Protein backbone atom coordinates (compact mmCIF):
# COMPACT_ATOMS: atom_id res chain seq x y z
CA MET A 1 24.63 1.85 16.37
CA SER A 2 22.46 0.77 19.36
CA LEU A 3 19.68 2.61 21.00
CA GLY A 4 21.53 3.68 23.94
CA ALA A 5 24.46 4.79 22.00
CA LEU A 6 23.30 7.59 19.92
CA PRO A 7 25.40 10.63 20.72
CA GLU A 8 24.86 14.29 19.97
CA PHE A 9 27.00 16.04 17.16
CA GLN A 10 30.63 15.11 18.14
CA ASN A 11 33.86 13.85 17.00
CA PRO A 12 33.39 11.03 14.34
CA GLU A 13 36.02 8.87 16.06
CA ILE A 14 33.83 9.05 19.31
CA ILE A 15 30.90 7.70 17.32
CA SER A 16 32.90 4.89 15.79
CA GLN A 17 34.28 3.88 19.16
CA GLN A 18 30.91 3.69 20.79
CA SER A 19 29.62 1.44 17.96
CA ARG A 20 32.39 -0.89 18.49
CA ASP A 21 31.89 -0.76 22.27
CA THR A 22 28.30 -1.77 21.80
CA MET A 23 28.40 -4.18 18.98
CA SER A 24 31.89 -6.05 19.30
CA TYR A 25 30.59 -9.14 21.21
CA LEU A 26 27.98 -9.78 18.36
CA TRP A 27 30.29 -9.24 15.53
CA LEU A 28 32.87 -11.58 17.02
CA GLN A 29 30.36 -14.15 17.88
CA ASN A 30 28.99 -13.87 14.26
CA PHE A 31 32.62 -14.35 13.04
CA ALA A 32 33.17 -17.30 15.09
CA GLU A 33 29.89 -19.14 13.86
CA ASN A 34 30.81 -18.20 10.22
CA LEU A 35 34.12 -19.86 10.25
CA PRO A 36 33.09 -22.96 8.36
CA ASP A 37 31.63 -20.70 5.55
CA LEU A 38 34.53 -18.54 5.62
CA TRP A 39 36.99 -21.42 5.08
CA GLU A 40 34.78 -22.81 2.26
CA HIS A 41 33.76 -19.74 0.08
CA PRO A 42 35.82 -17.66 -2.22
CA THR A 43 36.77 -14.08 -1.09
CA ILE A 44 36.50 -10.78 -3.00
CA LEU A 45 40.08 -11.42 -3.98
CA ASP A 46 38.98 -14.07 -6.41
CA LEU A 47 37.02 -11.28 -8.26
CA ILE A 48 39.95 -8.93 -8.93
CA PRO A 49 40.55 -8.55 -12.67
CA GLU A 50 43.80 -7.97 -14.44
CA LYS A 51 42.75 -5.01 -16.13
CA GLU A 52 40.94 -1.86 -15.29
CA GLN A 53 37.25 -2.02 -15.63
CA GLY A 54 34.50 0.31 -16.83
CA PRO A 55 32.17 2.43 -14.64
CA ALA A 56 30.34 1.08 -11.94
CA ILE A 57 27.14 2.30 -10.21
CA VAL A 58 26.33 1.91 -6.44
CA ILE A 59 22.82 1.83 -5.63
CA GLY A 60 21.46 2.97 -2.05
CA ARG A 61 18.21 3.38 -0.60
CA GLY A 62 18.14 7.25 -0.05
CA PRO A 63 14.82 9.14 -0.82
CA SER A 64 16.24 10.81 -3.84
CA MET A 65 16.75 7.41 -5.67
CA TYR A 66 12.88 6.76 -5.44
CA ARG A 67 11.85 10.51 -5.80
CA ASN A 68 13.86 10.80 -8.93
CA ASN A 69 12.65 7.33 -10.39
CA GLN A 70 16.44 6.29 -10.93
CA LEU A 71 15.88 2.90 -11.24
CA ARG A 72 13.41 3.38 -14.14
CA LEU A 73 16.23 5.44 -15.74
CA LEU A 74 18.74 2.65 -15.48
CA ARG A 75 16.46 -0.07 -16.61
CA GLY A 76 17.51 -1.20 -20.03
CA ARG A 77 21.00 0.55 -19.74
CA GLN A 78 22.84 -1.22 -17.20
CA LYS A 79 24.83 -3.23 -19.88
CA ASN A 80 27.42 -0.26 -19.75
CA PHE A 81 27.95 -0.58 -16.21
CA LYS A 82 28.56 -3.07 -13.22
CA ILE A 83 25.95 -2.69 -10.58
CA PHE A 84 26.69 -2.80 -6.92
CA ALA A 85 23.29 -2.81 -4.99
CA CYS A 86 23.20 -2.37 -1.22
CA ASP A 87 21.09 -5.01 0.26
CA GLY A 88 18.25 -2.73 1.10
CA THR A 89 17.80 -1.96 -2.57
CA LEU A 90 18.07 -5.80 -3.84
CA CYS A 91 14.26 -6.26 -4.11
CA ASP A 92 13.58 -2.75 -5.46
CA CYS A 93 16.13 -3.22 -8.20
CA LEU A 94 14.78 -6.40 -9.23
CA ARG A 95 11.09 -5.29 -9.23
CA ASN A 96 12.24 -2.25 -11.56
CA GLY A 97 13.97 -4.62 -13.99
CA VAL A 98 17.57 -3.85 -12.81
CA LEU A 99 19.68 -7.04 -12.29
CA PRO A 100 22.63 -6.14 -10.01
CA ASP A 101 26.01 -7.73 -10.66
CA TYR A 102 26.72 -7.57 -6.83
CA VAL A 103 24.59 -7.09 -3.81
CA VAL A 104 26.48 -5.93 -0.59
CA SER A 105 25.70 -6.88 2.96
CA VAL A 106 27.56 -5.43 6.01
CA ASP A 107 25.25 -5.48 8.95
CA GLY A 108 25.72 -8.20 11.81
CA ASN A 109 22.04 -7.98 13.19
CA PRO A 110 20.47 -11.40 13.46
CA PHE A 111 17.28 -10.63 11.57
CA LEU A 112 17.33 -6.95 10.26
CA ILE A 113 18.94 -7.68 7.01
CA LEU A 114 17.22 -10.93 6.34
CA LYS A 115 13.94 -8.96 5.13
CA TYR A 116 15.88 -7.59 2.24
CA TYR A 117 16.43 -10.94 0.91
CA GLY A 118 13.11 -12.28 1.86
CA ASP A 119 12.86 -13.61 5.38
CA TRP A 120 11.44 -17.24 5.94
CA ASP A 121 10.84 -16.28 9.60
CA TYR A 122 9.24 -12.87 8.91
CA ILE A 123 6.26 -13.29 11.08
CA ILE A 124 8.48 -14.42 14.07
CA HIS A 125 10.81 -11.46 13.55
CA TYR A 126 8.02 -9.13 12.93
CA PRO A 127 4.99 -10.29 15.01
CA ASN A 128 3.21 -6.90 14.51
CA ALA A 129 3.79 -6.84 10.69
CA THR A 130 0.70 -5.93 8.61
CA PRO A 131 -0.96 -8.40 6.08
CA GLU A 132 0.56 -6.18 3.28
CA GLN A 133 4.09 -6.27 4.83
CA ILE A 134 3.67 -10.18 5.12
CA LYS A 135 2.49 -10.52 1.45
CA GLN A 136 5.47 -8.29 0.29
CA ASN A 137 7.88 -10.48 2.10
CA THR A 138 6.46 -13.54 0.57
CA GLU A 139 6.78 -11.83 -2.90
CA ASN A 140 10.41 -10.81 -2.02
CA ILE A 141 11.44 -14.60 -1.17
CA VAL A 142 10.17 -15.66 -4.65
CA LEU A 143 11.80 -12.98 -6.40
CA VAL A 144 15.18 -13.50 -4.76
CA ASN A 145 15.09 -17.17 -5.14
CA THR A 146 14.45 -16.69 -8.81
CA MET A 147 17.10 -14.14 -9.60
CA ALA A 148 19.75 -15.17 -6.87
CA PRO A 149 21.79 -17.45 -9.13
CA HIS A 150 22.58 -14.66 -11.58
CA ILE A 151 24.09 -12.38 -8.62
CA LYS A 152 27.26 -12.33 -6.64
CA CYS A 153 26.76 -11.63 -2.88
CA LEU A 154 29.62 -9.77 -1.27
CA ILE A 155 29.16 -10.38 2.41
CA ASN A 156 30.77 -9.36 5.40
CA ALA A 157 32.44 -12.02 7.71
CA LEU A 158 30.62 -10.50 10.59
CA CYS A 159 27.17 -10.75 9.18
CA HIS A 160 25.02 -13.20 11.08
CA LYS A 161 24.85 -16.85 10.24
CA ASN A 162 21.32 -16.47 9.55
CA LEU A 163 22.28 -14.30 6.57
CA PHE A 164 24.81 -16.74 5.40
CA GLN A 165 22.19 -19.37 5.52
CA ARG A 166 19.70 -17.39 3.63
CA VAL A 167 21.99 -16.39 0.82
CA LYS A 168 23.27 -19.90 0.26
CA GLN A 169 19.76 -21.21 0.25
CA ALA A 170 18.62 -18.64 -2.23
CA GLY A 171 21.66 -19.67 -4.50
CA PHE A 172 23.80 -16.41 -4.60
CA LYS A 173 27.40 -16.91 -5.46
CA ILE A 174 29.13 -15.83 -2.24
CA TYR A 175 32.48 -13.85 -1.95
CA THR A 176 33.55 -12.64 1.63
CA PHE A 177 35.66 -9.86 3.05
CA GLN A 178 35.72 -8.44 6.63
CA PRO A 179 36.23 -4.93 8.15
CA LEU A 180 39.51 -3.51 9.51
CA TRP A 181 39.63 -3.38 13.30
CA ASP A 182 43.24 -1.96 13.74
CA ASN A 183 46.45 -2.27 11.99
CA PRO A 184 46.76 -5.61 10.35
CA ASN A 185 50.43 -5.56 10.31
CA GLU A 186 50.68 -5.49 13.99
CA TRP A 187 49.34 -8.10 16.57
CA GLY A 188 45.57 -7.06 17.31
CA ILE A 189 41.90 -8.16 16.26
CA SER A 190 42.47 -7.75 12.43
CA LYS A 191 45.60 -9.90 12.27
CA ALA A 192 43.92 -12.62 14.69
CA LEU A 193 40.70 -12.76 12.61
CA GLY A 194 42.68 -13.13 9.38
CA ILE A 195 44.82 -16.09 10.70
CA MET A 196 41.51 -17.63 12.07
CA SER A 197 39.82 -17.45 8.70
CA SER A 198 42.63 -18.95 6.81
CA SER A 199 42.13 -22.29 5.09
CA LYS A 200 43.48 -24.60 2.26
CA ARG A 201 40.62 -22.73 0.15
CA ASN A 202 41.65 -19.10 1.36
CA PRO A 203 45.40 -19.52 2.66
CA LYS A 204 45.76 -15.68 3.32
CA GLY A 205 42.38 -15.64 5.28
CA VAL A 206 39.27 -13.54 4.52
CA PRO A 207 40.74 -10.08 3.21
CA LEU A 208 40.46 -7.03 5.42
CA ILE A 209 39.00 -3.63 3.96
CA PRO A 210 37.80 -0.36 5.29
CA THR A 211 33.95 -0.32 5.18
CA GLY A 212 33.00 3.17 6.26
CA GLY A 213 30.36 1.60 8.70
CA ASN A 214 27.54 1.03 6.02
CA ALA A 215 26.68 -0.81 2.86
CA GLY A 216 27.09 2.16 0.52
CA ALA A 217 30.58 3.15 1.59
CA THR A 218 31.53 -0.56 1.57
CA ALA A 219 30.11 -1.02 -2.05
CA LEU A 220 32.20 2.13 -3.02
CA ILE A 221 35.37 0.74 -1.66
CA LEU A 222 34.76 -2.76 -3.44
CA THR A 223 34.36 -0.88 -6.78
CA LYS A 224 37.90 0.46 -6.21
CA ILE A 225 39.03 -3.01 -5.06
CA LEU A 226 37.58 -4.55 -8.28
CA ARG A 227 39.35 -1.98 -10.39
CA HIS A 228 36.52 0.15 -11.85
CA GLU A 229 37.76 3.47 -13.45
CA LEU A 230 35.00 5.45 -11.87
CA THR A 231 31.94 5.05 -9.66
CA ALA A 232 28.44 6.72 -9.78
CA LEU A 233 26.41 6.90 -6.61
CA ILE A 234 22.43 6.88 -6.65
CA GLY A 235 20.34 6.90 -3.48
CA ILE A 236 23.56 7.82 -1.33
CA ASP A 237 21.65 10.82 0.27
CA MET A 238 23.36 10.69 3.70
CA GLY A 239 20.48 12.64 4.99
CA TYR A 240 16.67 13.32 4.37
CA PRO A 241 14.91 16.06 2.45
CA ILE A 242 13.60 18.78 4.42
CA ASP A 243 10.03 17.74 4.12
CA PHE A 244 10.78 14.15 5.17
CA PRO A 245 8.77 13.45 8.29
CA LEU A 246 11.20 13.30 11.13
CA SER A 247 9.24 10.47 12.93
CA LYS A 248 10.18 8.22 9.84
CA THR A 249 14.16 8.97 10.11
CA GLU A 250 16.11 5.87 10.89
CA TYR A 251 17.37 7.08 14.26
CA TYR A 252 14.13 8.72 15.41
CA ALA A 253 13.35 5.98 18.21
CA PRO A 254 16.71 6.04 19.94
CA MET A 255 16.42 9.87 19.95
CA MET A 256 13.13 9.75 21.75
CA VAL A 257 14.65 7.40 24.23
CA LYS A 258 18.00 9.61 24.57
CA THR A 259 15.76 12.60 25.22
CA GLN A 260 13.24 10.77 27.21
CA GLY A 261 10.52 11.73 24.55
CA ARG A 262 11.26 15.65 24.91
CA LEU A 263 10.72 16.79 21.21
CA GLU A 264 12.32 20.10 21.85
CA GLU A 265 15.66 18.40 22.42
CA ILE A 266 15.50 16.63 18.96
CA PRO A 267 16.94 19.26 16.89
CA LYS A 268 20.42 19.01 18.52
CA PHE A 269 20.87 15.52 16.70
CA PHE A 270 20.55 17.32 13.43
CA LYS A 271 22.35 19.51 10.95
CA ILE A 272 20.95 21.30 7.98
CA TYR A 273 22.83 21.27 4.60
CA LYS A 274 21.86 22.89 1.18
CA ASN A 275 23.03 21.07 -1.59
CA PRO A 276 24.67 23.63 -3.95
CA TYR A 277 24.12 21.56 -7.14
CA THR A 278 20.43 20.68 -6.87
CA GLY A 279 19.28 23.54 -4.57
CA ASN A 280 17.52 21.22 -2.23
CA THR A 281 17.83 21.53 1.65
CA TYR A 282 18.57 18.24 3.65
CA TYR A 283 18.79 17.50 7.09
CA CYS A 284 21.54 14.94 8.53
CA ASP A 285 21.46 13.31 11.95
CA THR A 286 24.62 12.66 13.94
CA VAL A 287 25.13 9.05 12.63
CA PHE A 288 24.46 9.89 8.84
CA ASN A 289 26.88 12.93 9.47
CA TYR A 290 29.55 10.41 10.73
CA TYR A 291 28.86 8.21 7.57
CA ARG A 292 29.05 11.42 5.47
CA LYS A 293 32.51 12.36 6.67
CA SER A 294 33.76 8.71 6.71
CA LEU A 295 32.64 8.36 2.93
CA LYS A 296 34.40 11.61 1.84
CA GLU A 297 37.59 10.41 3.59
CA ILE A 298 37.26 7.06 1.79
CA ILE A 299 36.79 8.82 -1.65
CA LYS A 300 39.95 11.21 -0.78
CA ASN A 301 42.27 8.55 0.66
CA PHE A 302 41.92 5.92 -1.91
CA LYS A 303 41.54 8.18 -4.79
CA ILE A 304 38.09 7.06 -5.97
CA LYS A 305 36.96 8.97 -8.87
CA THR A 306 33.26 9.30 -7.80
CA ILE A 307 30.39 10.96 -9.55
CA ASN A 308 27.45 11.65 -7.11
CA CYS A 309 24.13 11.42 -8.94
CA SER A 310 22.22 11.41 -5.51
CA ASP A 311 20.54 14.46 -4.06
CA GLY A 312 21.53 14.96 -0.40
CA THR A 313 24.54 16.07 1.74
CA LEU A 314 27.46 14.41 -0.06
CA PHE A 315 29.16 17.09 -2.00
CA PRO A 316 32.64 18.93 -2.08
CA GLU A 317 32.63 21.67 0.38
CA GLU A 318 34.61 24.79 0.01
CA GLY A 319 38.34 24.12 0.32
CA GLU A 320 38.01 20.32 -0.14
CA ASP A 321 40.20 18.68 -2.56
CA ILE A 322 38.51 15.29 -3.22
CA PRO A 323 37.80 13.41 -6.63
CA LEU A 324 33.99 13.97 -5.94
CA ILE A 325 31.74 15.54 -8.46
CA ASN A 326 27.98 16.11 -8.52
CA ILE A 327 25.70 15.73 -11.72
CA SER A 328 22.38 14.47 -12.46
CA PHE A 329 21.84 10.84 -13.25
CA GLU A 330 20.30 11.63 -16.69
CA GLU A 331 23.57 13.40 -17.47
CA PHE A 332 25.75 10.83 -16.15
CA LEU A 333 23.80 8.09 -18.28
CA LYS A 334 24.23 10.19 -21.58
CA LYS A 335 27.94 10.68 -21.10
CA TYR A 336 28.77 7.16 -19.98
């Protein structure tokens, strides 16, 4: 979502279309530059097992994951699960002794996602970085390079070539996918990209999947594709605790641009939710509200048995019939 495209609360389809309108050129340019890698590397289809698999856990970087020390709870118990880490949590997982089976990347930004893997050009990309941030990036490079050979990277074909180069250099095992643009059975962008990405290695091209617009939703879809019987979510908050500083939210800067710095107009970009399972109150901006609705649609439409162990705004509301339950992470670990 670009700085100029942040809307007030409105129809989710409008938000999705605005995102496509502002990002399509970058995504398609990335795809074209990635074609040699797409022809060479295996796809997620190569990972689909013959039999149904046990539980999976998707790890996002929502505040509740850190506040509730959920990585520490998981450490030493992960042998019973397959771990799908959103790229933003990769280094936090590794520092806390949790080795993901998979890391998932979807964003097409030229350098934003690189920092999650350790960015060799960090000082160039972030000229105002503090000494502590520079030190942390250096440590991330070493950590990722050490552990990458043990992790499969599930990467969007529309990610920037810089990210493909970084994950190859680090030694990840790469498996590709691409998001649905339109009906792949009709002539359109999806069918064209499928044909263009076909090769001797991948005669059917890079597979198209719904992504929900973010790494967390994509990871959940991937657990279904890879035949896991159920999936637990941690750090998929889809919002912020009520005491979380507004100025630190992800889209605060575009809100300030949109309102020309008028703080009294900022509240129109947010909704308040009280989680009935934890009793905690969260606020959710227009983009995360779109992601929230999209994720619930994915859970319902693909019949993904989902156990949300995150706090936040993702819970069944009155009248909703979706395979989503909310329990604590401690309870999930005891049961499974």
